[in-house]
Amino acid sequence: MDRRELADFLRSRRERITPADVGLPAGPRRRTPGLRREEVAQLAFISTEYYTRLEQARAPRPSREVLAGLARALRLSDAERDHLHHLAGAPPGPPAGPSIEVRQSILDLLHRLPQAAAIVMSATYEVIAWNDLAAALLEDFSALLRHERNLVRRVFLPPHPLERRLYGLPDADAFARTAAHHLRAAAARYPDDPEVVGLVAELLSGSEEFAQLWASHDVHTEPTLRKTINHPLVGPITVNCDVLDITDRDQRVVIYTADPGSPSEEALRLLSVIGTQRMDVPG
C-alpha cells in the first residue's frame, strides 16, 4: 500500500467534483475546491475520521468494500478505480460481467453510416446495437428476444435445423471457430458471471462442434476481412468486414461495406430502400 500516493490521489479526485455533481447543495462559505472530506465520507458510507486519515496517509489498508464506496463517491472511471485498488495494495478483481451498455457516441456513429451496415457486439457476441442497414442485411434484431441476438449461440445452436446457418455465410465454419476462441477468452475475463457461465454450458451440452473447439483451448484467431452473405431477397452480397475495438467496454463495432461500383454496393443500396420488410413471404 502506497499511503502517500493514495492520499494524493484521493485528494485530487475529491477536489475535481462539485457538490452539484453528486446532488449536494453548495452551501455558503465553501473555501475548498470540490467536495469536503465529510461529504466524501458520507457518500462512501465511511466515517469522516477514517477518510481524513486516508488523505493524511495515516490510515490502515482500506477493505475492498471501502474502496468500492470511494470509487462510487468520487465517480471514478474504470481506469481510476483500478488505480485506486493498486495504490491501496488490493489489485482489482475481474469485472462483474460483459458490458451491454453502448456509449451514445457509438450509437450516433452507427446511424451516421447510411451506406454501411454496422453492429455492436458484446464480449460474448451478443448484438447490442445496430443500424437500419444491418437489420436489412442480417436480421431485424429488434424483433428478437435478447438471447436470440447472440451470434455464437446462433451459429452453434440454430433455432431451426433447416435454417440458413448464420445468414448463409459460406465461411460460417470459420466464424464458428473464431467465436469459440473469443468466447473462451471472454470466459477467462468473466469467470464468475452467470450469463457467461450459462452460455458456455448451453453450448457445450448442445453442440458437439463447439465442445471440440472448446477442448482445443485455442484463443488465437485470424481476422476475416471479407464475407459473402447470401441474402434471401437480393442474393449474394460480398462485403468488407472491419472491426473497431471499444476497449474500455470490451465491445466491438463491426462495419460491413461493399466495394464502390460493385454489384454488392448496388445490392446494399436496394436493401437500404427495402429495409426489413419480407417481400419473399406471400401476403
C-alpha atoms as a PDB file:
ATOM      1  CA  MET A   1       0.000   0.000   0.000  1.00  0.00           C
ATOM      2  CA  ASP A   2       1.403   3.387  -1.040  1.00  0.00           C
ATOM      3  CA  ARG A   3      -0.164   5.626   1.584  1.00  0.00           C
ATOM      4  CA  ARG A   4       1.239   8.915   0.287  1.00  0.00           C
ATOM      5  CA  GLU A   5       0.250   8.303  -3.349  1.00  0.00           C
ATOM      6  CA  LEU A   6      -3.160   7.072  -2.239  1.00  0.00           C
ATOM      7  CA  ALA A   7      -3.664  10.199  -0.145  1.00  0.00           C
ATOM      8  CA  ASP A   8      -2.686  12.498  -3.003  1.00  0.00           C
ATOM      9  CA  PHE A   9      -4.890  10.610  -5.472  1.00  0.00           C
ATOM     10  CA  LEU A  10      -7.938  10.771  -3.203  1.00  0.00           C
ATOM     11  CA  ARG A  11      -7.435  14.482  -2.617  1.00  0.00           C
ATOM     12  CA  SER A  12      -7.071  15.222  -6.330  1.00  0.00           C
ATOM     13  CA  ARG A  13     -10.246  13.277  -7.184  1.00  0.00           C
ATOM     14  CA  ARG A  14     -12.190  14.949  -4.358  1.00  0.00           C
ATOM     15  CA  GLU A  15     -11.199  18.448  -5.441  1.00  0.00           C
ATOM     16  CA  ARG A  16     -12.418  17.989  -9.011  1.00  0.00           C
ATOM     17  CA  ILE A  17     -16.024  17.140  -8.031  1.00  0.00           C
ATOM     18  CA  THR A  18     -18.548  19.858  -7.261  1.00  0.00           C
ATOM     19  CA  PRO A  19     -21.419  19.384  -4.803  1.00  0.00           C
ATOM     20  CA  ALA A  20     -23.845  19.721  -7.712  1.00  0.00           C
ATOM     21  CA  ASP A  21     -22.195  16.715  -9.395  1.00  0.00           C
ATOM     22  CA  VAL A  22     -23.359  14.459  -6.570  1.00  0.00           C
ATOM     23  CA  GLY A  23     -26.628  16.183  -5.736  1.00  0.00           C
ATOM     24  CA  LEU A  24     -25.430  18.148  -2.696  1.00  0.00           C
ATOM     25  CA  PRO A  25     -26.114  21.844  -2.025  1.00  0.00           C
ATOM     26  CA  ALA A  26     -23.092  24.099  -2.425  1.00  0.00           C
ATOM     27  CA  GLY A  27     -23.812  25.962   0.791  1.00  0.00           C
ATOM     28  CA  PRO A  28     -22.258  29.262   1.926  1.00  0.00           C
ATOM     29  CA  ARG A  29     -18.579  29.955   2.622  1.00  0.00           C
ATOM     30  CA  ARG A  30     -17.146  26.940   0.805  1.00  0.00           C
ATOM     31  CA  ARG A  31     -13.400  27.544   0.939  1.00  0.00           C
ATOM     32  CA  THR A  32     -12.012  24.382  -0.651  1.00  0.00           C
ATOM     33  CA  PRO A  33     -12.457  23.286  -4.260  1.00  0.00           C
ATOM     34  CA  GLY A  34     -14.639  20.292  -4.808  1.00  0.00           C
ATOM     35  CA  LEU A  35     -16.203  18.282  -2.011  1.00  0.00           C
ATOM     36  CA  ARG A  36     -15.422  18.432   1.678  1.00  0.00           C
ATOM     37  CA  ARG A  37     -13.919  15.374   3.338  1.00  0.00           C
ATOM     38  CA  GLU A  38     -17.047  14.775   5.378  1.00  0.00           C
ATOM     39  CA  GLU A  39     -19.131  14.812   2.195  1.00  0.00           C
ATOM     40  CA  VAL A  40     -16.972  12.143   0.557  1.00  0.00           C
ATOM     41  CA  ALA A  41     -17.154  10.070   3.725  1.00  0.00           C
ATOM     42  CA  GLN A  42     -20.937  10.372   3.766  1.00  0.00           C
ATOM     43  CA  LEU A  43     -21.222   9.320   0.125  1.00  0.00           C
ATOM     44  CA  ALA A  44     -18.827   6.391   0.653  1.00  0.00           C
ATOM     45  CA  PHE A  45     -20.579   5.245   3.871  1.00  0.00           C
ATOM     46  CA  ILE A  46     -17.435   5.513   5.996  1.00  0.00           C
ATOM     47  CA  SER A  47     -16.551   7.725   8.950  1.00  0.00           C
ATOM     48  CA  THR A  48     -15.160  11.205   8.375  1.00  0.00           C
ATOM     49  CA  GLU A  49     -12.300  10.385  10.744  1.00  0.00           C
ATOM     50  CA  TYR A  50     -11.226   7.367   8.703  1.00  0.00           C
ATOM     51  CA  TYR A  51     -11.424   9.225   5.395  1.00  0.00           C
ATOM     52  CA  THR A  52      -9.418  12.103   6.865  1.00  0.00           C
ATOM     53  CA  ARG A  53      -6.725   9.668   7.957  1.00  0.00           C
ATOM     54  CA  LEU A  54      -6.650   8.231   4.427  1.00  0.00           C
ATOM     55  CA  GLU A  55      -5.933  11.684   2.978  1.00  0.00           C
ATOM     56  CA  GLN A  56      -3.311  12.226   5.676  1.00  0.00           C
ATOM     57  CA  ALA A  57      -1.568   8.940   4.773  1.00  0.00           C
ATOM     58  CA  ARG A  58      -2.133   7.628   8.310  1.00  0.00           C
ATOM     59  CA  ALA A  59      -4.900   5.053   7.800  1.00  0.00           C
ATOM     60  CA  PRO A  60      -4.596   1.265   7.640  1.00  0.00           C
ATOM     61  CA  ARG A  61      -5.271  -0.513   4.353  1.00  0.00           C
ATOM     62  CA  PRO A  62      -8.901   0.006   3.277  1.00  0.00           C
ATOM     63  CA  SER A  63     -11.072  -3.016   2.576  1.00  0.00           C
ATOM     64  CA  ARG A  64     -12.478  -3.771  -0.883  1.00  0.00           C
ATOM     65  CA  GLU A  65     -15.882  -2.590   0.367  1.00  0.00           C
ATOM     66  CA  VAL A  66     -14.377   0.766   1.374  1.00  0.00           C
ATOM     67  CA  LEU A  67     -12.578   1.067  -1.963  1.00  0.00           C
ATOM     68  CA  ALA A  68     -15.823   0.361  -3.803  1.00  0.00           C
ATOM     69  CA  GLY A  69     -17.555   3.063  -1.773  1.00  0.00           C
ATOM     70  CA  LEU A  70     -14.777   5.566  -2.506  1.00  0.00           C
ATOM     71  CA  ALA A  71     -14.843   4.780  -6.220  1.00  0.00           C
ATOM     72  CA  ARG A  72     -18.595   5.364  -6.271  1.00  0.00           C
ATOM     73  CA  ALA A  73     -18.428   8.553  -4.181  1.00  0.00           C
ATOM     74  CA  LEU A  74     -15.602  10.059  -6.242  1.00  0.00           C
ATOM     75  CA  ARG A  75     -17.159   8.995  -9.557  1.00  0.00           C
ATOM     76  CA  LEU A  76     -14.015   7.228 -10.707  1.00  0.00           C
ATOM     77  CA  SER A  77     -13.669   5.829 -14.203  1.00  0.00           C
ATOM     78  CA  ASP A  78     -12.782   2.156 -14.627  1.00  0.00           C
ATOM     79  CA  ALA A  79      -9.110   3.051 -15.081  1.00  0.00           C
ATOM     80  CA  GLU A  80      -9.166   5.276 -11.987  1.00  0.00           C
ATOM     81  CA  ARG A  81     -10.905   2.546  -9.983  1.00  0.00           C
ATOM     82  CA  ASP A  82      -8.179   0.081 -10.915  1.00  0.00           C
ATOM     83  CA  HIS A  83      -5.511   2.645  -9.997  1.00  0.00           C
ATOM     84  CA  LEU A  84      -7.162   3.208  -6.620  1.00  0.00           C
ATOM     85  CA  HIS A  85      -7.060  -0.523  -5.906  1.00  0.00           C
ATOM     86  CA  HIS A  86      -3.402  -0.799  -6.872  1.00  0.00           C
ATOM     87  CA  LEU A  87      -2.425   2.151  -4.669  1.00  0.00           C
ATOM     88  CA  ALA A  88      -4.255   0.509  -1.773  1.00  0.00           C
ATOM     89  CA  GLY A  89      -2.389  -2.754  -2.299  1.00  0.00           C
ATOM     90  CA  ALA A  90      -5.560  -4.598  -3.304  1.00  0.00           C
ATOM     91  CA  PRO A  91      -5.435  -5.341  -7.054  1.00  0.00           C
ATOM     92  CA  PRO A  92      -8.918  -5.115  -8.566  1.00  0.00           C
ATOM     93  CA  GLY A  93     -10.787  -8.302  -9.253  1.00  0.00           C
ATOM     94  CA  PRO A  94     -12.271  -9.166 -12.639  1.00  0.00           C
ATOM     95  CA  PRO A  95     -15.173  -7.053 -13.910  1.00  0.00           C
ATOM     96  CA  ALA A  96     -18.594  -8.276 -12.882  1.00  0.00           C
ATOM     97  CA  GLY A  97     -19.611  -9.201 -16.412  1.00  0.00           C
ATOM     98  CA  PRO A  98     -19.532  -8.095 -20.054  1.00  0.00           C
ATOM     99  CA  SER A  99     -20.909  -4.623 -20.581  1.00  0.00           C
ATOM    100  CA  ILE A 100     -24.027  -4.305 -22.721  1.00  0.00           C
ATOM    101  CA  GLU A 101     -24.293  -0.526 -22.331  1.00  0.00           C
ATOM    102  CA  VAL A 102     -23.301   1.215 -25.563  1.00  0.00           C
ATOM    103  CA  ARG A 103     -21.956   4.748 -25.444  1.00  0.00           C
ATOM    104  CA  GLN A 104     -24.173   7.350 -27.078  1.00  0.00           C
ATOM    105  CA  SER A 105     -21.317   8.447 -29.338  1.00  0.00           C
ATOM    106  CA  ILE A 106     -21.088   4.887 -30.718  1.00  0.00           C
ATOM    107  CA  LEU A 107     -24.844   4.772 -31.299  1.00  0.00           C
ATOM    108  CA  ASP A 108     -24.574   8.076 -33.144  1.00  0.00           C
ATOM    109  CA  LEU A 109     -21.724   6.673 -35.241  1.00  0.00           C
ATOM    110  CA  LEU A 110     -23.833   3.702 -36.347  1.00  0.00           C
ATOM    111  CA  HIS A 111     -26.548   5.977 -37.682  1.00  0.00           C
ATOM    112  CA  ARG A 112     -24.059   8.247 -39.443  1.00  0.00           C
ATOM    113  CA  LEU A 113     -23.056   5.359 -41.700  1.00  0.00           C
ATOM    114  CA  PRO A 114     -26.059   5.156 -44.066  1.00  0.00           C
ATOM    115  CA  GLN A 115     -24.123   3.233 -46.748  1.00  0.00           C
ATOM    116  CA  ALA A 116     -22.610   0.729 -44.298  1.00  0.00           C
ATOM    117  CA  ALA A 117     -24.204  -1.957 -42.176  1.00  0.00           C
ATOM    118  CA  ALA A 118     -22.887  -1.771 -38.629  1.00  0.00           C
ATOM    119  CA  ILE A 119     -23.477  -3.638 -35.374  1.00  0.00           C
ATOM    120  CA  VAL A 120     -22.009  -3.551 -31.883  1.00  0.00           C
ATOM    121  CA  MET A 121     -21.238  -6.844 -30.167  1.00  0.00           C
ATOM    122  CA  SER A 122     -20.521  -7.551 -26.529  1.00  0.00           C
ATOM    123  CA  ALA A 123     -17.614  -9.725 -25.415  1.00  0.00           C
ATOM    124  CA  THR A 124     -19.892 -12.756 -25.757  1.00  0.00           C
ATOM    125  CA  TYR A 125     -21.083 -11.966 -29.322  1.00  0.00           C
ATOM    126  CA  GLU A 126     -24.425 -10.557 -28.257  1.00  0.00           C
ATOM    127  CA  VAL A 127     -25.611  -7.945 -30.768  1.00  0.00           C
ATOM    128  CA  ILE A 128     -26.370  -4.970 -28.531  1.00  0.00           C
ATOM    129  CA  ALA A 129     -26.761  -2.197 -31.136  1.00  0.00           C
ATOM    130  CA  TRP A 130     -27.258  -1.959 -34.902  1.00  0.00           C
ATOM    131  CA  ASN A 131     -28.268   0.423 -37.631  1.00  0.00           C
ATOM    132  CA  ASP A 132     -31.099   0.059 -40.130  1.00  0.00           C
ATOM    133  CA  LEU A 133     -28.950  -1.347 -42.937  1.00  0.00           C
ATOM    134  CA  ALA A 134     -27.537  -4.035 -40.634  1.00  0.00           C
ATOM    135  CA  ALA A 135     -31.083  -5.077 -39.778  1.00  0.00           C
ATOM    136  CA  ALA A 136     -31.905  -5.304 -43.501  1.00  0.00           C
ATOM    137  CA  LEU A 137     -28.692  -7.160 -44.360  1.00  0.00           C
ATOM    138  CA  LEU A 138     -28.583  -9.610 -41.448  1.00  0.00           C
ATOM    139  CA  GLU A 139     -31.770  -9.707 -39.409  1.00  0.00           C
ATOM    140  CA  ASP A 140     -34.317  -7.478 -37.719  1.00  0.00           C
ATOM    141  CA  PHE A 141     -32.715  -7.741 -34.287  1.00  0.00           C
ATOM    142  CA  SER A 142     -35.475  -5.635 -32.736  1.00  0.00           C
ATOM    143  CA  ALA A 143     -37.912  -8.500 -33.401  1.00  0.00           C
ATOM    144  CA  LEU A 144     -35.787 -10.988 -31.439  1.00  0.00           C
ATOM    145  CA  LEU A 145     -35.564 -11.789 -27.761  1.00  0.00           C
ATOM    146  CA  ARG A 146     -32.279 -10.837 -26.163  1.00  0.00           C
ATOM    147  CA  HIS A 147     -30.863 -14.381 -26.028  1.00  0.00           C
ATOM    148  CA  GLU A 148     -31.691 -14.819 -29.735  1.00  0.00           C
ATOM    149  CA  ARG A 149     -29.392 -11.912 -30.634  1.00  0.00           C
ATOM    150  CA  ASN A 150     -26.284 -13.839 -29.593  1.00  0.00           C
ATOM    151  CA  LEU A 151     -24.344 -14.799 -32.733  1.00  0.00           C
ATOM    152  CA  VAL A 152     -22.265 -17.519 -31.111  1.00  0.00           C
ATOM    153  CA  ARG A 153     -25.481 -19.190 -29.972  1.00  0.00           C
ATOM    154  CA  ARG A 154     -26.886 -18.600 -33.455  1.00  0.00           C
ATOM    155  CA  VAL A 155     -24.004 -20.323 -35.242  1.00  0.00           C
ATOM    156  CA  PHE A 156     -23.813 -23.364 -32.957  1.00  0.00           C
ATOM    157  CA  LEU A 157     -27.456 -23.702 -31.893  1.00  0.00           C
ATOM    158  CA  PRO A 158     -29.647 -22.593 -34.830  1.00  0.00           C
ATOM    159  CA  PRO A 159     -33.315 -22.286 -33.863  1.00  0.00           C
ATOM    160  CA  HIS A 160     -34.420 -24.450 -36.810  1.00  0.00           C
ATOM    161  CA  PRO A 161     -32.412 -27.359 -38.284  1.00  0.00           C
ATOM    162  CA  LEU A 162     -33.097 -26.344 -41.884  1.00  0.00           C
ATOM    163  CA  GLU A 163     -32.490 -22.612 -41.409  1.00  0.00           C
ATOM    164  CA  ARG A 164     -29.577 -20.978 -43.177  1.00  0.00           C
ATOM    165  CA  ARG A 165     -26.591 -21.147 -40.864  1.00  0.00           C
ATOM    166  CA  LEU A 166     -25.720 -17.633 -39.801  1.00  0.00           C
ATOM    167  CA  TYR A 167     -27.284 -15.724 -42.688  1.00  0.00           C
ATOM    168  CA  GLY A 168     -25.978 -18.086 -45.343  1.00  0.00           C
ATOM    169  CA  LEU A 169     -22.290 -17.310 -44.785  1.00  0.00           C
ATOM    170  CA  PRO A 170     -20.165 -19.745 -46.817  1.00  0.00           C
ATOM    171  CA  ASP A 171     -17.448 -19.362 -44.170  1.00  0.00           C
ATOM    172  CA  ALA A 172     -19.773 -19.998 -41.226  1.00  0.00           C
ATOM    173  CA  ASP A 173     -17.364 -22.695 -40.011  1.00  0.00           C
ATOM    174  CA  ALA A 174     -14.545 -20.143 -39.821  1.00  0.00           C
ATOM    175  CA  PHE A 175     -16.815 -17.751 -37.951  1.00  0.00           C
ATOM    176  CA  ALA A 176     -17.721 -20.561 -35.551  1.00  0.00           C
ATOM    177  CA  ARG A 177     -14.046 -21.204 -34.771  1.00  0.00           C
ATOM    178  CA  THR A 178     -13.367 -17.513 -34.209  1.00  0.00           C
ATOM    179  CA  ALA A 179     -16.426 -17.132 -31.995  1.00  0.00           C
ATOM    180  CA  ALA A 180     -15.483 -20.152 -29.864  1.00  0.00           C
ATOM    181  CA  HIS A 181     -11.951 -18.838 -29.377  1.00  0.00           C
ATOM    182  CA  HIS A 182     -13.170 -15.348 -28.445  1.00  0.00           C
ATOM    183  CA  LEU A 183     -15.721 -16.800 -26.045  1.00  0.00           C
ATOM    184  CA  ARG A 184     -13.017 -18.808 -24.287  1.00  0.00           C
ATOM    185  CA  ALA A 185     -11.029 -15.627 -23.761  1.00  0.00           C
ATOM    186  CA  ALA A 186     -14.143 -13.822 -22.509  1.00  0.00           C
ATOM    187  CA  ALA A 187     -14.892 -16.671 -20.080  1.00  0.00           C
ATOM    188  CA  ALA A 188     -11.417 -16.183 -18.601  1.00  0.00           C
ATOM    189  CA  ARG A 189     -12.080 -12.466 -18.131  1.00  0.00           C
ATOM    190  CA  TYR A 190     -15.504 -13.011 -16.545  1.00  0.00           C
ATOM    191  CA  PRO A 191     -15.192 -16.326 -14.693  1.00  0.00           C
ATOM    192  CA  ASP A 192     -17.952 -15.572 -12.198  1.00  0.00           C
ATOM    193  CA  ASP A 193     -20.547 -14.012 -14.497  1.00  0.00           C
ATOM    194  CA  PRO A 194     -23.629 -16.270 -14.504  1.00  0.00           C
ATOM    195  CA  GLU A 195     -24.622 -15.348 -18.083  1.00  0.00           C
ATOM    196  CA  VAL A 196     -21.183 -16.259 -19.454  1.00  0.00           C
ATOM    197  CA  VAL A 197     -21.063 -19.484 -17.457  1.00  0.00           C
ATOM    198  CA  GLY A 198     -24.589 -20.388 -18.575  1.00  0.00           C
ATOM    199  CA  LEU A 199     -23.864 -19.647 -22.248  1.00  0.00           C
ATOM    200  CA  VAL A 200     -20.771 -21.863 -22.247  1.00  0.00           C
ATOM    201  CA  ALA A 201     -22.660 -24.685 -20.513  1.00  0.00           C
ATOM    202  CA  GLU A 202     -25.524 -24.413 -23.015  1.00  0.00           C
ATOM    203  CA  LEU A 203     -23.147 -24.580 -25.976  1.00  0.00           C
ATOM    204  CA  LEU A 204     -21.144 -27.474 -24.534  1.00  0.00           C
ATOM    205  CA  SER A 205     -24.273 -29.538 -23.989  1.00  0.00           C
ATOM    206  CA  GLY A 206     -25.960 -28.608 -27.259  1.00  0.00           C
ATOM    207  CA  SER A 207     -23.168 -28.625 -29.830  1.00  0.00           C
ATOM    208  CA  GLU A 208     -20.541 -31.309 -30.378  1.00  0.00           C
ATOM    209  CA  GLU A 209     -18.716 -28.932 -32.720  1.00  0.00           C
ATOM    210  CA  PHE A 210     -18.458 -26.290 -30.013  1.00  0.00           C
ATOM    211  CA  ALA A 211     -17.349 -28.889 -27.447  1.00  0.00           C
ATOM    212  CA  GLN A 212     -14.498 -29.949 -29.740  1.00  0.00           C
ATOM    213  CA  LEU A 213     -13.405 -26.367 -30.368  1.00  0.00           C
ATOM    214  CA  TRP A 214     -13.635 -25.600 -26.652  1.00  0.00           C
ATOM    215  CA  ALA A 215     -11.470 -28.602 -25.814  1.00  0.00           C
ATOM    216  CA  SER A 216      -8.712 -27.278 -28.106  1.00  0.00           C
ATOM    217  CA  HIS A 217      -8.117 -24.322 -25.707  1.00  0.00           C
ATOM    218  CA  ASP A 218      -7.232 -22.086 -28.668  1.00  0.00           C
ATOM    219  CA  VAL A 219      -7.620 -18.343 -28.207  1.00  0.00           C
ATOM    220  CA  HIS A 220      -5.711 -17.013 -31.236  1.00  0.00           C
ATOM    221  CA  THR A 221      -7.789 -16.070 -34.258  1.00  0.00           C
ATOM    222  CA  GLU A 222      -7.133 -14.544 -37.667  1.00  0.00           C
ATOM    223  CA  PRO A 223      -9.394 -11.666 -38.731  1.00  0.00           C
ATOM    224  CA  THR A 224     -11.829 -12.202 -41.594  1.00  0.00           C
ATOM    225  CA  LEU A 225     -11.602  -9.195 -43.893  1.00  0.00           C
ATOM    226  CA  ARG A 226     -14.313 -10.142 -46.406  1.00  0.00           C
ATOM    227  CA  LYS A 227     -17.572 -12.029 -46.141  1.00  0.00           C
ATOM    228  CA  THR A 228     -20.254 -13.094 -48.587  1.00  0.00           C
ATOM    229  CA  ILE A 229     -23.766 -13.010 -47.175  1.00  0.00           C
ATOM    230  CA  ASN A 230     -26.409 -14.958 -49.077  1.00  0.00           C
ATOM    231  CA  HIS A 231     -29.390 -12.653 -48.693  1.00  0.00           C
ATOM    232  CA  PRO A 232     -32.814 -14.227 -49.444  1.00  0.00           C
ATOM    233  CA  LEU A 233     -34.042 -11.188 -51.405  1.00  0.00           C
ATOM    234  CA  VAL A 234     -31.074  -9.772 -53.305  1.00  0.00           C
ATOM    235  CA  GLY A 235     -28.758 -12.774 -53.440  1.00  0.00           C
ATOM    236  CA  PRO A 236     -25.053 -12.935 -52.536  1.00  0.00           C
ATOM    237  CA  ILE A 237     -23.527  -9.729 -51.166  1.00  0.00           C
ATOM    238  CA  THR A 238     -19.758  -9.564 -50.700  1.00  0.00           C
ATOM    239  CA  VAL A 239     -18.718  -7.049 -48.058  1.00  0.00           C
ATOM    240  CA  ASN A 240     -15.544  -5.840 -46.418  1.00  0.00           C
ATOM    241  CA  CYS A 241     -15.577  -6.532 -42.702  1.00  0.00           C
ATOM    242  CA  ASP A 242     -13.809  -4.062 -40.421  1.00  0.00           C
ATOM    243  CA  VAL A 243     -13.798  -4.295 -36.643  1.00  0.00           C
ATOM    244  CA  LEU A 244     -13.221  -1.431 -34.204  1.00  0.00           C
ATOM    245  CA  ASP A 245     -12.440  -2.380 -30.607  1.00  0.00           C
ATOM    246  CA  ILE A 246     -14.062  -0.408 -27.776  1.00  0.00           C
ATOM    247  CA  THR A 247     -11.522  -1.494 -25.206  1.00  0.00           C
ATOM    248  CA  ASP A 248     -12.944   0.270 -22.167  1.00  0.00           C
ATOM    249  CA  ARG A 249     -16.229  -1.652 -22.526  1.00  0.00           C
ATOM    250  CA  ASP A 250     -14.887  -4.843 -24.079  1.00  0.00           C
ATOM    251  CA  GLN A 251     -17.108  -4.395 -27.127  1.00  0.00           C
ATOM    252  CA  ARG A 252     -16.563  -4.450 -30.894  1.00  0.00           C
ATOM    253  CA  VAL A 253     -18.100  -2.394 -33.685  1.00  0.00           C
ATOM    254  CA  VAL A 254     -18.378  -4.449 -36.875  1.00  0.00           C
ATOM    255  CA  ILE A 255     -18.788  -2.442 -40.091  1.00  0.00           C
ATOM    256  CA  TYR A 256     -19.792  -4.066 -43.398  1.00  0.00           C
ATOM    257  CA  THR A 257     -19.122  -2.111 -46.601  1.00  0.00           C
ATOM    258  CA  ALA A 258     -19.175  -3.052 -50.297  1.00  0.00           C
ATOM    259  CA  ASP A 259     -16.562  -2.108 -52.873  1.00  0.00           C
ATOM    260  CA  PRO A 260     -17.553   1.089 -54.711  1.00  0.00           C
ATOM    261  CA  GLY A 261     -19.251   0.413 -58.032  1.00  0.00           C
ATOM    262  CA  SER A 262     -19.685  -3.299 -57.355  1.00  0.00           C
ATOM    263  CA  PRO A 263     -22.936  -5.292 -57.672  1.00  0.00           C
ATOM    264  CA  SER A 264     -22.781  -5.737 -53.905  1.00  0.00           C
ATOM    265  CA  GLU A 265     -22.854  -1.971 -53.432  1.00  0.00           C
ATOM    266  CA  GLU A 266     -25.986  -1.835 -55.578  1.00  0.00           C
ATOM    267  CA  ALA A 267     -27.492  -4.651 -53.509  1.00  0.00           C
ATOM    268  CA  LEU A 268     -26.826  -2.744 -50.285  1.00  0.00           C
ATOM    269  CA  ARG A 269     -28.485   0.345 -51.757  1.00  0.00           C
ATOM    270  CA  LEU A 270     -31.506  -1.737 -52.637  1.00  0.00           C
ATOM    271  CA  LEU A 271     -31.621  -3.138 -49.108  1.00  0.00           C
ATOM    272  CA  SER A 272     -31.496   0.359 -47.671  1.00  0.00           C
ATOM    273  CA  VAL A 273     -34.762   1.007 -49.526  1.00  0.00           C
ATOM    274  CA  ILE A 274     -36.397  -2.354 -48.837  1.00  0.00           C
ATOM    275  CA  GLY A 275     -35.456  -2.337 -45.162  1.00  0.00           C
ATOM    276  CA  THR A 276     -36.630  -5.286 -43.095  1.00  0.00           C
ATOM    277  CA  GLN A 277     -39.863  -5.962 -44.945  1.00  0.00           C
ATOM    278  CA  ARG A 278     -40.164  -9.549 -46.103  1.00  0.00           C
ATOM    279  CA  MET A 279     -41.063  -9.385 -49.796  1.00  0.00           C
ATOM    280  CA  ASP A 280     -40.400 -13.124 -50.147  1.00  0.00           C
ATOM    281  CA  VAL A 281     -43.289 -14.045 -47.843  1.00  0.00           C
ATOM    282  CA  PRO A 282     -46.728 -14.413 -49.535  1.00  0.00           C
ATOM    283  CA  GLY A 283     -49.270 -11.925 -48.342  1.00  0.00           C
END
